[in-house]
Amino acid sequence: MGTIRLTAAQAMVRYLSRQMTEEGAPFLAGMWAIFGHGNVAGMGEALHAERDAFQT
């Protein structure tokens, strides 16, 4: 396996989307966000890229 280069937002979204409970169910169903409040452009792009696995 090679090196994967991610932004901080991409790494956080991947981490959160892969967290599981002890039973194997997803720990978080998704994320709620209000885009345009603050500097969240990178987070929005990361969430959009993982939209199939992690709902926004």
PDB file of N, CA and C in Angstrom:
ATOM      1  N   MET A   1       0.845  -1.176   0.000  1.00  0.00           N
ATOM      2  CA  MET A   1       0.000   0.000   0.000  1.00  0.00           C
ATOM      3  C   MET A   1       0.887   1.234   0.000  1.00  0.00           C
ATOM      4  N   GLY A   2       0.576   2.176  -0.848  1.00  0.00           N
ATOM      5  CA  GLY A   2       1.375   3.391  -0.962  1.00  0.00           C
ATOM      6  C   GLY A   2       0.889   4.493  -0.044  1.00  0.00           C
ATOM      7  N   THR A   3       1.531   5.611  -0.162  1.00  0.00           N
ATOM      8  CA  THR A   3       1.188   6.776   0.630  1.00  0.00           C
ATOM      9  C   THR A   3      -0.072   7.433   0.082  1.00  0.00           C
ATOM     10  N   ILE A   4      -0.949   7.850   0.977  1.00  0.00           N
ATOM     11  CA  ILE A   4      -2.163   8.572   0.599  1.00  0.00           C
ATOM     12  C   ILE A   4      -2.019   9.999   1.117  1.00  0.00           C
ATOM     13  N   ARG A   5      -2.130  10.964   0.217  1.00  0.00           N
ATOM     14  CA  ARG A   5      -2.029  12.376   0.608  1.00  0.00           C
ATOM     15  C   ARG A   5      -3.438  12.945   0.733  1.00  0.00           C
ATOM     16  N   LEU A   6      -3.758  13.450   1.919  1.00  0.00           N
ATOM     17  CA  LEU A   6      -5.075  14.016   2.183  1.00  0.00           C
ATOM     18  C   LEU A   6      -4.933  15.375   2.847  1.00  0.00           C
ATOM     19  N   THR A   7      -5.949  16.207   2.651  1.00  0.00           N
ATOM     20  CA  THR A   7      -6.009  17.436   3.425  1.00  0.00           C
ATOM     21  C   THR A   7      -6.518  17.073   4.819  1.00  0.00           C
ATOM     22  N   ALA A   8      -6.449  18.011   5.748  1.00  0.00           N
ATOM     23  CA  ALA A   8      -6.954  17.759   7.100  1.00  0.00           C
ATOM     24  C   ALA A   8      -8.446  17.452   7.069  1.00  0.00           C
ATOM     25  N   ALA A   9      -9.198  18.167   6.244  1.00  0.00           N
ATOM     26  CA  ALA A   9     -10.640  17.931   6.139  1.00  0.00           C
ATOM     27  C   ALA A   9     -10.932  16.548   5.568  1.00  0.00           C
ATOM     28  N   GLN A  10     -10.206  16.137   4.541  1.00  0.00           N
ATOM     29  CA  GLN A  10     -10.408  14.814   3.953  1.00  0.00           C
ATOM     30  C   GLN A  10     -10.093  13.720   4.966  1.00  0.00           C
ATOM     31  N   ALA A  11      -9.017  13.883   5.711  1.00  0.00           N
ATOM     32  CA  ALA A  11      -8.635  12.893   6.716  1.00  0.00           C
ATOM     33  C   ALA A  11      -9.698  12.790   7.801  1.00  0.00           C
ATOM     34  N   MET A  12     -10.231  13.927   8.248  1.00  0.00           N
ATOM     35  CA  MET A  12     -11.246  13.912   9.300  1.00  0.00           C
ATOM     36  C   MET A  12     -12.527  13.246   8.824  1.00  0.00           C
ATOM     37  N   VAL A  13     -12.975  13.562   7.608  1.00  0.00           N
ATOM     38  CA  VAL A  13     -14.204  12.960   7.087  1.00  0.00           C
ATOM     39  C   VAL A  13     -14.023  11.455   6.900  1.00  0.00           C
ATOM     40  N   ARG A  14     -12.892  11.036   6.387  1.00  0.00           N
ATOM     41  CA  ARG A  14     -12.636   9.593   6.240  1.00  0.00           C
ATOM     42  C   ARG A  14     -12.627   8.895   7.591  1.00  0.00           C
ATOM     43  N   TYR A  15     -11.988   9.514   8.572  1.00  0.00           N
ATOM     44  CA  TYR A  15     -11.928   8.939   9.912  1.00  0.00           C
ATOM     45  C   TYR A  15     -13.333   8.804  10.503  1.00  0.00           C
ATOM     46  N   LEU A  16     -14.115   9.873  10.449  1.00  0.00           N
ATOM     47  CA  LEU A  16     -15.457   9.844  11.027  1.00  0.00           C
ATOM     48  C   LEU A  16     -16.370   8.862  10.309  1.00  0.00           C
ATOM     49  N   SER A  17     -16.239   8.763   8.993  1.00  0.00           N
ATOM     50  CA  SER A  17     -17.130   7.869   8.240  1.00  0.00           C
ATOM     51  C   SER A  17     -16.819   6.395   8.469  1.00  0.00           C
ATOM     52  N   ARG A  18     -15.657   6.089   8.983  1.00  0.00           N
ATOM     53  CA  ARG A  18     -15.262   4.694   9.191  1.00  0.00           C
ATOM     54  C   ARG A  18     -15.353   4.227  10.643  1.00  0.00           C
ATOM     55  N   GLN A  19     -15.844   5.077  11.543  1.00  0.00           N
ATOM     56  CA  GLN A  19     -15.983   4.691  12.938  1.00  0.00           C
ATOM     57  C   GLN A  19     -17.188   3.778  13.103  1.00  0.00           C
ATOM     58  N   MET A  20     -17.013   2.694  13.833  1.00  0.00           N
ATOM     59  CA  MET A  20     -18.075   1.707  14.033  1.00  0.00           C
ATOM     60  C   MET A  20     -18.319   1.475  15.515  1.00  0.00           C
ATOM     61  N   THR A  21     -19.544   1.041  15.839  1.00  0.00           N
ATOM     62  CA  THR A  21     -19.858   0.637  17.203  1.00  0.00           C
ATOM     63  C   THR A  21     -19.291  -0.762  17.423  1.00  0.00           C
ATOM     64  N   GLU A  22     -19.404  -1.262  18.640  1.00  0.00           N
ATOM     65  CA  GLU A  22     -18.924  -2.615  18.936  1.00  0.00           C
ATOM     66  C   GLU A  22     -19.693  -3.668  18.156  1.00  0.00           C
ATOM     67  N   GLU A  23     -20.923  -3.345  17.769  1.00  0.00           N
ATOM     68  CA  GLU A  23     -21.749  -4.285  16.996  1.00  0.00           C
ATOM     69  C   GLU A  23     -21.450  -4.237  15.512  1.00  0.00           C
ATOM     70  N   GLY A  24     -20.633  -3.287  15.069  1.00  0.00           N
ATOM     71  CA  GLY A  24     -20.282  -3.176  13.658  1.00  0.00           C
ATOM     72  C   GLY A  24     -21.137  -2.212  12.860  1.00  0.00           C
ATOM     73  N   ALA A  25     -22.016  -1.488  13.542  1.00  0.00           N
ATOM     74  CA  ALA A  25     -22.856  -0.491  12.872  1.00  0.00           C
ATOM     75  C   ALA A  25     -22.107   0.840  12.817  1.00  0.00           C
ATOM     76  N   PRO A  26     -22.396   1.679  11.824  1.00  0.00           N
ATOM     77  CA  PRO A  26     -21.737   2.985  11.780  1.00  0.00           C
ATOM     78  C   PRO A  26     -22.036   3.794  13.039  1.00  0.00           C
ATOM     79  N   PHE A  27     -21.021   4.423  13.609  1.00  0.00           N
ATOM     80  CA  PHE A  27     -21.175   5.216  14.819  1.00  0.00           C
ATOM     81  C   PHE A  27     -21.868   6.541  14.507  1.00  0.00           C
ATOM     82  N   LEU A  28     -21.550   7.142  13.374  1.00  0.00           N
ATOM     83  CA  LEU A  28     -22.165   8.391  12.938  1.00  0.00           C
ATOM     84  C   LEU A  28     -22.866   8.169  11.610  1.00  0.00           C
ATOM     85  N   ALA A  29     -24.085   8.677  11.493  1.00  0.00           N
ATOM     86  CA  ALA A  29     -24.831   8.514  10.251  1.00  0.00           C
ATOM     87  C   ALA A  29     -24.440   9.560   9.217  1.00  0.00           C
ATOM     88  N   GLY A  30     -23.912  10.680   9.677  1.00  0.00           N
ATOM     89  CA  GLY A  30     -23.552  11.751   8.769  1.00  0.00           C
ATOM     90  C   GLY A  30     -23.205  13.007   9.541  1.00  0.00           C
ATOM     91  N   MET A  31     -23.207  14.137   8.827  1.00  0.00           N
ATOM     92  CA  MET A  31     -22.836  15.408   9.433  1.00  0.00           C
ATOM     93  C   MET A  31     -23.809  16.475   8.964  1.00  0.00           C
ATOM     94  N   TRP A  32     -24.144  17.379   9.857  1.00  0.00           N
ATOM     95  CA  TRP A  32     -24.993  18.516   9.545  1.00  0.00           C
ATOM     96  C   TRP A  32     -24.109  19.732   9.434  1.00  0.00           C
ATOM     97  N   ALA A  33     -24.321  20.556   8.423  1.00  0.00           N
ATOM     98  CA  ALA A  33     -23.450  21.711   8.227  1.00  0.00           C
ATOM     99  C   ALA A  33     -24.222  22.874   7.612  1.00  0.00           C
ATOM    100  N   ILE A  34     -23.785  24.077   7.928  1.00  0.00           N
ATOM    101  CA  ILE A  34     -24.277  25.290   7.286  1.00  0.00           C
ATOM    102  C   ILE A  34     -23.087  25.873   6.541  1.00  0.00           C
ATOM    103  N   PHE A  35     -23.021  25.665   5.248  1.00  0.00           N
ATOM    104  CA  PHE A  35     -21.893  26.132   4.471  1.00  0.00           C
ATOM    105  C   PHE A  35     -22.002  27.633   4.240  1.00  0.00           C
ATOM    106  N   GLY A  36     -20.881  28.286   4.282  1.00  0.00           N
ATOM    107  CA  GLY A  36     -20.838  29.722   4.127  1.00  0.00           C
ATOM    108  C   GLY A  36     -20.553  30.436   5.432  1.00  0.00           C
ATOM    109  N   HIS A  37     -20.586  29.723   6.538  1.00  0.00           N
ATOM    110  CA  HIS A  37     -20.287  30.291   7.852  1.00  0.00           C
ATOM    111  C   HIS A  37     -18.856  29.925   8.220  1.00  0.00           C
ATOM    112  N   GLY A  38     -17.952  30.838   8.017  1.00  0.00           N
ATOM    113  CA  GLY A  38     -16.551  30.566   8.325  1.00  0.00           C
ATOM    114  C   GLY A  38     -15.836  29.964   7.137  1.00  0.00           C
ATOM    115  N   ASN A  39     -14.677  29.433   7.401  1.00  0.00           N
ATOM    116  CA  ASN A  39     -13.837  28.869   6.348  1.00  0.00           C
ATOM    117  C   ASN A  39     -14.066  27.364   6.271  1.00  0.00           C
ATOM    118  N   VAL A  40     -15.105  26.941   5.566  1.00  0.00           N
ATOM    119  CA  VAL A  40     -15.434  25.521   5.480  1.00  0.00           C
ATOM    120  C   VAL A  40     -15.402  24.997   4.051  1.00  0.00           C
ATOM    121  N   ALA A  41     -14.755  25.706   3.153  1.00  0.00           N
ATOM    122  CA  ALA A  41     -14.721  25.261   1.752  1.00  0.00           C
ATOM    123  C   ALA A  41     -14.057  23.899   1.634  1.00  0.00           C
ATOM    124  N   GLY A  42     -12.960  23.677   2.319  1.00  0.00           N
ATOM    125  CA  GLY A  42     -12.273  22.390   2.276  1.00  0.00           C
ATOM    126  C   GLY A  42     -13.115  21.280   2.874  1.00  0.00           C
ATOM    127  N   MET A  43     -13.822  21.577   3.953  1.00  0.00           N
ATOM    128  CA  MET A  43     -14.696  20.582   4.582  1.00  0.00           C
ATOM    129  C   MET A  43     -15.846  20.222   3.643  1.00  0.00           C
ATOM    130  N   GLY A  44     -16.398  21.209   2.971  1.00  0.00           N
ATOM    131  CA  GLY A  44     -17.481  20.942   2.029  1.00  0.00           C
ATOM    132  C   GLY A  44     -17.040  20.041   0.889  1.00  0.00           C
ATOM    133  N   GLU A  45     -15.852  20.276   0.375  1.00  0.00           N
ATOM    134  CA  GLU A  45     -15.322  19.433  -0.697  1.00  0.00           C
ATOM    135  C   GLU A  45     -15.071  18.010  -0.196  1.00  0.00           C
ATOM    136  N   ALA A  46     -14.552  17.883   1.012  1.00  0.00           N
ATOM    137  CA  ALA A  46     -14.283  16.552   1.570  1.00  0.00           C
ATOM    138  C   ALA A  46     -15.585  15.799   1.813  1.00  0.00           C
ATOM    139  N   LEU A  47     -16.598  16.470   2.330  1.00  0.00           N
ATOM    140  CA  LEU A  47     -17.898  15.834   2.548  1.00  0.00           C
ATOM    141  C   LEU A  47     -18.545  15.442   1.227  1.00  0.00           C
ATOM    142  N   HIS A  48     -18.413  16.279   0.223  1.00  0.00           N
ATOM    143  CA  HIS A  48     -18.983  15.964  -1.091  1.00  0.00           C
ATOM    144  C   HIS A  48     -18.318  14.724  -1.691  1.00  0.00           C
ATOM    145  N   ALA A  49     -17.018  14.595  -1.498  1.00  0.00           N
ATOM    146  CA  ALA A  49     -16.305  13.435  -2.048  1.00  0.00           C
ATOM    147  C   ALA A  49     -16.715  12.127  -1.375  1.00  0.00           C
ATOM    148  N   GLU A  50     -17.142  12.190  -0.105  1.00  0.00           N
ATOM    149  CA  GLU A  50     -17.546  10.993   0.643  1.00  0.00           C
ATOM    150  C   GLU A  50     -19.066  10.888   0.773  1.00  0.00           C
ATOM    151  N   ARG A  51     -19.799  11.565  -0.110  1.00  0.00           N
ATOM    152  CA  ARG A  51     -21.245  11.664   0.032  1.00  0.00           C
ATOM    153  C   ARG A  51     -21.962  10.321   0.010  1.00  0.00           C
ATOM    154  N   ASP A  52     -21.399   9.306  -0.647  1.00  0.00           N
ATOM    155  CA  ASP A  52     -22.054   7.990  -0.683  1.00  0.00           C
ATOM    156  C   ASP A  52     -21.911   7.248   0.639  1.00  0.00           C
ATOM    157  N   ALA A  53     -20.804   7.483   1.354  1.00  0.00           N
ATOM    158  CA  ALA A  53     -20.547   6.781   2.610  1.00  0.00           C
ATOM    159  C   ALA A  53     -20.908   7.594   3.839  1.00  0.00           C
ATOM    160  N   PHE A  54     -20.988   8.926   3.695  1.00  0.00           N
ATOM    161  CA  PHE A  54     -21.185   9.803   4.855  1.00  0.00           C
ATOM    162  C   PHE A  54     -22.087  10.956   4.434  1.00  0.00           C
ATOM    163  N   GLN A  55     -23.360  10.893   4.847  1.00  0.00           N
ATOM    164  CA  GLN A  55     -24.343  11.879   4.412  1.00  0.00           C
ATOM    165  C   GLN A  55     -24.102  13.245   5.034  1.00  0.00           C
ATOM    166  N   THR A  56     -24.430  14.272   4.283  1.00  0.00           N
ATOM    167  CA  THR A  56     -24.355  15.645   4.773  1.00  0.00           C
ATOM    168  C   THR A  56     -25.731  16.241   4.728  1.00  0.00           C
TER     169      THR A  56
END
